[in-house]
Amino acid sequence: MAALPTPKLCHIGIYASDLKTMVDFYTRVFGLTVTDWGHSSRGFDIAFLSGNAEEHHQLVIAGGRPKDAAFSTINQISFKVDSLDELKRWYESLRKENVAKMEPRDHGNAWS
Protein backbone atom coordinates (compact mmCIF):
# COMPACT_ATOMS: atom_id res chain seq x y z
CA MET A 1 0.00 0.00 0.00
CA ALA A 2 1.29 3.46 -0.89
CA ALA A 3 2.04 5.91 1.89
CA LEU A 4 -0.87 8.11 2.91
CA PRO A 5 -0.82 11.68 1.60
CA THR A 6 0.12 14.44 4.01
CA PRO A 7 -2.95 16.27 5.36
CA LYS A 8 -2.83 20.05 5.76
CA LEU A 9 -3.72 20.88 9.33
CA CYS A 10 -5.20 24.17 10.50
CA HIS A 11 -4.77 25.39 14.08
CA ILE A 12 -6.95 23.57 16.61
CA GLY A 13 -6.94 23.10 20.36
CA ILE A 14 -8.42 20.18 22.29
CA TYR A 15 -8.59 18.92 25.86
CA ALA A 16 -7.47 15.37 26.60
CA SER A 17 -7.83 13.12 29.60
CA ASP A 18 -4.64 11.26 28.56
CA LEU A 19 -2.22 13.81 27.12
CA LYS A 20 0.61 11.36 26.38
CA THR A 21 -1.67 8.98 24.44
CA MET A 22 -3.08 11.84 22.37
CA VAL A 23 0.39 13.22 21.60
CA ASP A 24 1.51 9.73 20.57
CA PHE A 25 -1.49 9.37 18.24
CA TYR A 26 -1.00 12.70 16.44
CA THR A 27 2.77 12.28 16.11
CA ARG A 28 2.62 8.65 14.99
CA VAL A 29 -0.45 8.73 12.73
CA PHE A 30 -0.31 12.27 11.29
CA GLY A 31 3.45 12.81 11.50
CA LEU A 32 3.20 15.96 13.63
CA THR A 33 6.19 17.06 15.71
CA VAL A 34 6.08 18.23 19.30
CA THR A 35 7.43 21.78 19.17
CA ASP A 36 6.94 22.75 22.78
CA TRP A 37 5.53 21.70 26.17
CA GLY A 38 4.00 24.00 28.70
CA HIS A 39 2.11 24.06 31.96
CA SER A 40 -1.17 25.92 32.33
CA SER A 41 -1.96 28.23 35.21
CA ARG A 42 -5.01 25.97 35.61
CA GLY A 43 -2.72 23.13 36.63
CA PHE A 44 -2.47 20.93 33.54
CA ASP A 45 0.23 20.25 30.97
CA ILE A 46 -0.04 21.42 27.36
CA ALA A 47 1.64 20.02 24.24
CA PHE A 48 2.17 22.08 21.08
CA LEU A 49 2.46 20.16 17.80
CA SER A 50 3.02 21.13 14.19
CA GLY A 51 3.45 19.57 10.77
CA ASN A 52 4.94 22.77 9.34
CA ALA A 53 8.40 23.99 10.33
CA GLU A 54 7.21 27.58 9.86
CA GLU A 55 4.36 27.17 12.38
CA HIS A 56 5.13 26.92 16.11
CA HIS A 57 1.94 24.97 16.55
CA GLN A 58 -1.02 23.85 14.51
CA LEU A 59 -2.42 21.66 17.28
CA VAL A 60 -2.55 22.31 21.01
CA ILE A 61 -3.47 19.42 23.27
CA ALA A 62 -4.24 20.39 26.84
CA GLY A 63 -4.44 17.82 29.60
CA GLY A 64 -7.00 18.11 32.33
CA ARG A 65 -10.15 16.80 30.65
CA PRO A 66 -11.99 14.76 33.28
CA LYS A 67 -12.19 11.06 32.41
CA ASP A 68 -15.87 11.13 33.36
CA ALA A 69 -16.74 14.12 31.16
CA ALA A 70 -20.28 13.70 29.84
CA PHE A 71 -19.45 14.92 26.32
CA SER A 72 -16.48 15.32 24.02
CA THR A 73 -14.60 18.59 24.04
CA ILE A 74 -14.12 18.19 20.29
CA ASN A 75 -16.76 19.42 17.86
CA GLN A 76 -14.76 18.97 14.66
CA ILE A 77 -11.16 18.49 13.56
CA SER A 78 -10.49 19.11 9.88
CA PHE A 79 -7.60 18.12 7.67
CA LYS A 80 -7.42 18.80 3.95
CA VAL A 81 -6.39 16.22 1.35
CA ASP A 82 -6.25 16.56 -2.42
CA SER A 83 -8.89 14.07 -3.58
CA LEU A 84 -11.80 11.85 -2.61
CA ASP A 85 -9.57 8.79 -3.11
CA GLU A 86 -7.10 10.20 -0.56
CA LEU A 87 -9.96 10.84 1.87
CA LYS A 88 -11.13 7.23 1.51
CA ARG A 89 -7.60 5.95 2.19
CA TRP A 90 -7.38 8.09 5.34
CA TYR A 91 -10.77 6.87 6.51
CA GLU A 92 -9.64 3.24 6.23
CA SER A 93 -6.35 4.04 7.97
CA LEU A 94 -8.13 5.71 10.89
CA ARG A 95 -10.58 2.81 11.19
CA LYS A 96 -7.56 0.52 11.60
CA GLU A 97 -6.43 2.83 14.44
CA ASN A 98 -9.81 2.19 16.12
CA VAL A 99 -10.79 5.86 15.91
CA ALA A 100 -14.37 6.08 17.14
CA LYS A 101 -17.24 8.34 16.14
CA MET A 102 -16.09 9.30 12.66
CA GLU A 103 -19.08 10.57 10.72
CA PRO A 104 -18.45 10.74 6.94
CA ARG A 105 -20.38 13.56 5.29
CA ASP A 106 -21.10 14.93 1.82
CA HIS A 107 -21.50 18.68 2.34
CA GLY A 108 -22.34 19.27 -1.32
CA ASN A 109 -19.24 21.40 -1.84
CA ALA A 110 -16.89 19.14 0.13
CA TRP A 111 -16.57 15.61 1.53
CA SER A 112 -15.52 14.94 5.08
C-alpha atoms as a PDB file:
ATOM      1  CA  MET A   1       0.000   0.000   0.000  1.00  0.00           C
ATOM      2  CA  ALA A   2       1.290   3.459  -0.891  1.00  0.00           C
ATOM      3  CA  ALA A   3       2.037   5.911   1.890  1.00  0.00           C
ATOM      4  CA  LEU A   4      -0.869   8.111   2.908  1.00  0.00           C
ATOM      5  CA  PRO A   5      -0.821  11.682   1.599  1.00  0.00           C
ATOM      6  CA  THR A   6       0.122  14.442   4.006  1.00  0.00           C
ATOM      7  CA  PRO A   7      -2.945  16.274   5.356  1.00  0.00           C
ATOM      8  CA  LYS A   8      -2.829  20.045   5.758  1.00  0.00           C
ATOM      9  CA  LEU A   9      -3.720  20.883   9.335  1.00  0.00           C
ATOM     10  CA  CYS A  10      -5.204  24.173  10.497  1.00  0.00           C
ATOM     11  CA  HIS A  11      -4.772  25.394  14.084  1.00  0.00           C
ATOM     12  CA  ILE A  12      -6.946  23.571  16.611  1.00  0.00           C
ATOM     13  CA  GLY A  13      -6.943  23.098  20.363  1.00  0.00           C
ATOM     14  CA  ILE A  14      -8.417  20.179  22.285  1.00  0.00           C
ATOM     15  CA  TYR A  15      -8.587  18.920  25.856  1.00  0.00           C
ATOM     16  CA  ALA A  16      -7.473  15.370  26.597  1.00  0.00           C
ATOM     17  CA  SER A  17      -7.831  13.116  29.599  1.00  0.00           C
ATOM     18  CA  ASP A  18      -4.645  11.259  28.561  1.00  0.00           C
ATOM     19  CA  LEU A  19      -2.222  13.809  27.122  1.00  0.00           C
ATOM     20  CA  LYS A  20       0.606  11.355  26.375  1.00  0.00           C
ATOM     21  CA  THR A  21      -1.666   8.982  24.439  1.00  0.00           C
ATOM     22  CA  MET A  22      -3.084  11.840  22.368  1.00  0.00           C
ATOM     23  CA  VAL A  23       0.388  13.223  21.602  1.00  0.00           C
ATOM     24  CA  ASP A  24       1.510   9.729  20.570  1.00  0.00           C
ATOM     25  CA  PHE A  25      -1.491   9.373  18.237  1.00  0.00           C
ATOM     26  CA  TYR A  26      -0.997  12.699  16.438  1.00  0.00           C
ATOM     27  CA  THR A  27       2.775  12.280  16.115  1.00  0.00           C
ATOM     28  CA  ARG A  28       2.617   8.649  14.989  1.00  0.00           C
ATOM     29  CA  VAL A  29      -0.450   8.735  12.728  1.00  0.00           C
ATOM     30  CA  PHE A  30      -0.310  12.265  11.290  1.00  0.00           C
ATOM     31  CA  GLY A  31       3.450  12.814  11.499  1.00  0.00           C
ATOM     32  CA  LEU A  32       3.202  15.963  13.633  1.00  0.00           C
ATOM     33  CA  THR A  33       6.192  17.056  15.707  1.00  0.00           C
ATOM     34  CA  VAL A  34       6.080  18.226  19.299  1.00  0.00           C
ATOM     35  CA  THR A  35       7.434  21.777  19.168  1.00  0.00           C
ATOM     36  CA  ASP A  36       6.944  22.754  22.784  1.00  0.00           C
ATOM     37  CA  TRP A  37       5.532  21.699  26.170  1.00  0.00           C
ATOM     38  CA  GLY A  38       3.999  23.996  28.705  1.00  0.00           C
ATOM     39  CA  HIS A  39       2.113  24.056  31.962  1.00  0.00           C
ATOM     40  CA  SER A  40      -1.170  25.915  32.326  1.00  0.00           C
ATOM     41  CA  SER A  41      -1.960  28.232  35.207  1.00  0.00           C
ATOM     42  CA  ARG A  42      -5.009  25.975  35.614  1.00  0.00           C
ATOM     43  CA  GLY A  43      -2.716  23.127  36.632  1.00  0.00           C
ATOM     44  CA  PHE A  44      -2.472  20.930  33.539  1.00  0.00           C
ATOM     45  CA  ASP A  45       0.232  20.250  30.967  1.00  0.00           C
ATOM     46  CA  ILE A  46      -0.039  21.424  27.355  1.00  0.00           C
ATOM     47  CA  ALA A  47       1.643  20.021  24.236  1.00  0.00           C
ATOM     48  CA  PHE A  48       2.169  22.079  21.082  1.00  0.00           C
ATOM     49  CA  LEU A  49       2.461  20.162  17.798  1.00  0.00           C
ATOM     50  CA  SER A  50       3.020  21.134  14.191  1.00  0.00           C
ATOM     51  CA  GLY A  51       3.445  19.574  10.771  1.00  0.00           C
ATOM     52  CA  ASN A  52       4.936  22.767   9.343  1.00  0.00           C
ATOM     53  CA  ALA A  53       8.405  23.988  10.333  1.00  0.00           C
ATOM     54  CA  GLU A  54       7.206  27.581   9.863  1.00  0.00           C
ATOM     55  CA  GLU A  55       4.360  27.175  12.382  1.00  0.00           C
ATOM     56  CA  HIS A  56       5.133  26.920  16.109  1.00  0.00           C
ATOM     57  CA  HIS A  57       1.937  24.966  16.547  1.00  0.00           C
ATOM     58  CA  GLN A  58      -1.018  23.846  14.515  1.00  0.00           C
ATOM     59  CA  LEU A  59      -2.421  21.664  17.276  1.00  0.00           C
ATOM     60  CA  VAL A  60      -2.546  22.309  21.005  1.00  0.00           C
ATOM     61  CA  ILE A  61      -3.465  19.417  23.275  1.00  0.00           C
ATOM     62  CA  ALA A  62      -4.241  20.387  26.838  1.00  0.00           C
ATOM     63  CA  GLY A  63      -4.441  17.816  29.601  1.00  0.00           C
ATOM     64  CA  GLY A  64      -7.005  18.115  32.325  1.00  0.00           C
ATOM     65  CA  ARG A  65     -10.148  16.803  30.650  1.00  0.00           C
ATOM     66  CA  PRO A  66     -11.988  14.760  33.276  1.00  0.00           C
ATOM     67  CA  LYS A  67     -12.190  11.059  32.412  1.00  0.00           C
ATOM     68  CA  ASP A  68     -15.870  11.127  33.357  1.00  0.00           C
ATOM     69  CA  ALA A  69     -16.740  14.124  31.156  1.00  0.00           C
ATOM     70  CA  ALA A  70     -20.279  13.697  29.836  1.00  0.00           C
ATOM     71  CA  PHE A  71     -19.450  14.919  26.323  1.00  0.00           C
ATOM     72  CA  SER A  72     -16.484  15.319  24.020  1.00  0.00           C
ATOM     73  CA  THR A  73     -14.604  18.591  24.042  1.00  0.00           C
ATOM     74  CA  ILE A  74     -14.124  18.188  20.289  1.00  0.00           C
ATOM     75  CA  ASN A  75     -16.755  19.416  17.856  1.00  0.00           C
ATOM     76  CA  GLN A  76     -14.759  18.968  14.658  1.00  0.00           C
ATOM     77  CA  ILE A  77     -11.159  18.494  13.562  1.00  0.00           C
ATOM     78  CA  SER A  78     -10.487  19.114   9.882  1.00  0.00           C
ATOM     79  CA  PHE A  79      -7.602  18.119   7.671  1.00  0.00           C
ATOM     80  CA  LYS A  80      -7.422  18.796   3.951  1.00  0.00           C
ATOM     81  CA  VAL A  81      -6.387  16.224   1.349  1.00  0.00           C
ATOM     82  CA  ASP A  82      -6.249  16.562  -2.423  1.00  0.00           C
ATOM     83  CA  SER A  83      -8.889  14.069  -3.577  1.00  0.00           C
ATOM     84  CA  LEU A  84     -11.805  11.850  -2.607  1.00  0.00           C
ATOM     85  CA  ASP A  85      -9.571   8.790  -3.109  1.00  0.00           C
ATOM     86  CA  GLU A  86      -7.095  10.195  -0.558  1.00  0.00           C
ATOM     87  CA  LEU A  87      -9.963  10.844   1.872  1.00  0.00           C
ATOM     88  CA  LYS A  88     -11.125   7.233   1.510  1.00  0.00           C
ATOM     89  CA  ARG A  89      -7.596   5.951   2.185  1.00  0.00           C
ATOM     90  CA  TRP A  90      -7.381   8.092   5.338  1.00  0.00           C
ATOM     91  CA  TYR A  91     -10.775   6.871   6.506  1.00  0.00           C
ATOM     92  CA  GLU A  92      -9.639   3.239   6.233  1.00  0.00           C
ATOM     93  CA  SER A  93      -6.354   4.039   7.968  1.00  0.00           C
ATOM     94  CA  LEU A  94      -8.134   5.713  10.895  1.00  0.00           C
ATOM     95  CA  ARG A  95     -10.584   2.813  11.187  1.00  0.00           C
ATOM     96  CA  LYS A  96      -7.560   0.525  11.605  1.00  0.00           C
ATOM     97  CA  GLU A  97      -6.433   2.827  14.442  1.00  0.00           C
ATOM     98  CA  ASN A  98      -9.814   2.191  16.119  1.00  0.00           C
ATOM     99  CA  VAL A  99     -10.789   5.855  15.912  1.00  0.00           C
ATOM    100  CA  ALA A 100     -14.374   6.078  17.142  1.00  0.00           C
ATOM    101  CA  LYS A 101     -17.235   8.340  16.143  1.00  0.00           C
ATOM    102  CA  MET A 102     -16.087   9.297  12.656  1.00  0.00           C
ATOM    103  CA  GLU A 103     -19.078  10.570  10.716  1.00  0.00           C
ATOM    104  CA  PRO A 104     -18.450  10.739   6.936  1.00  0.00           C
ATOM    105  CA  ARG A 105     -20.384  13.561   5.286  1.00  0.00           C
ATOM    106  CA  ASP A 106     -21.102  14.927   1.824  1.00  0.00           C
ATOM    107  CA  HIS A 107     -21.498  18.681   2.335  1.00  0.00           C
ATOM    108  CA  GLY A 108     -22.336  19.268  -1.322  1.00  0.00           C
ATOM    109  CA  ASN A 109     -19.237  21.401  -1.841  1.00  0.00           C
ATOM    110  CA  ALA A 110     -16.893  19.136   0.131  1.00  0.00           C
ATOM    111  CA  TRP A 111     -16.567  15.615   1.527  1.00  0.00           C
ATOM    112  CA  SER A 112     -15.515  14.944   5.083  1.00  0.00           C
END
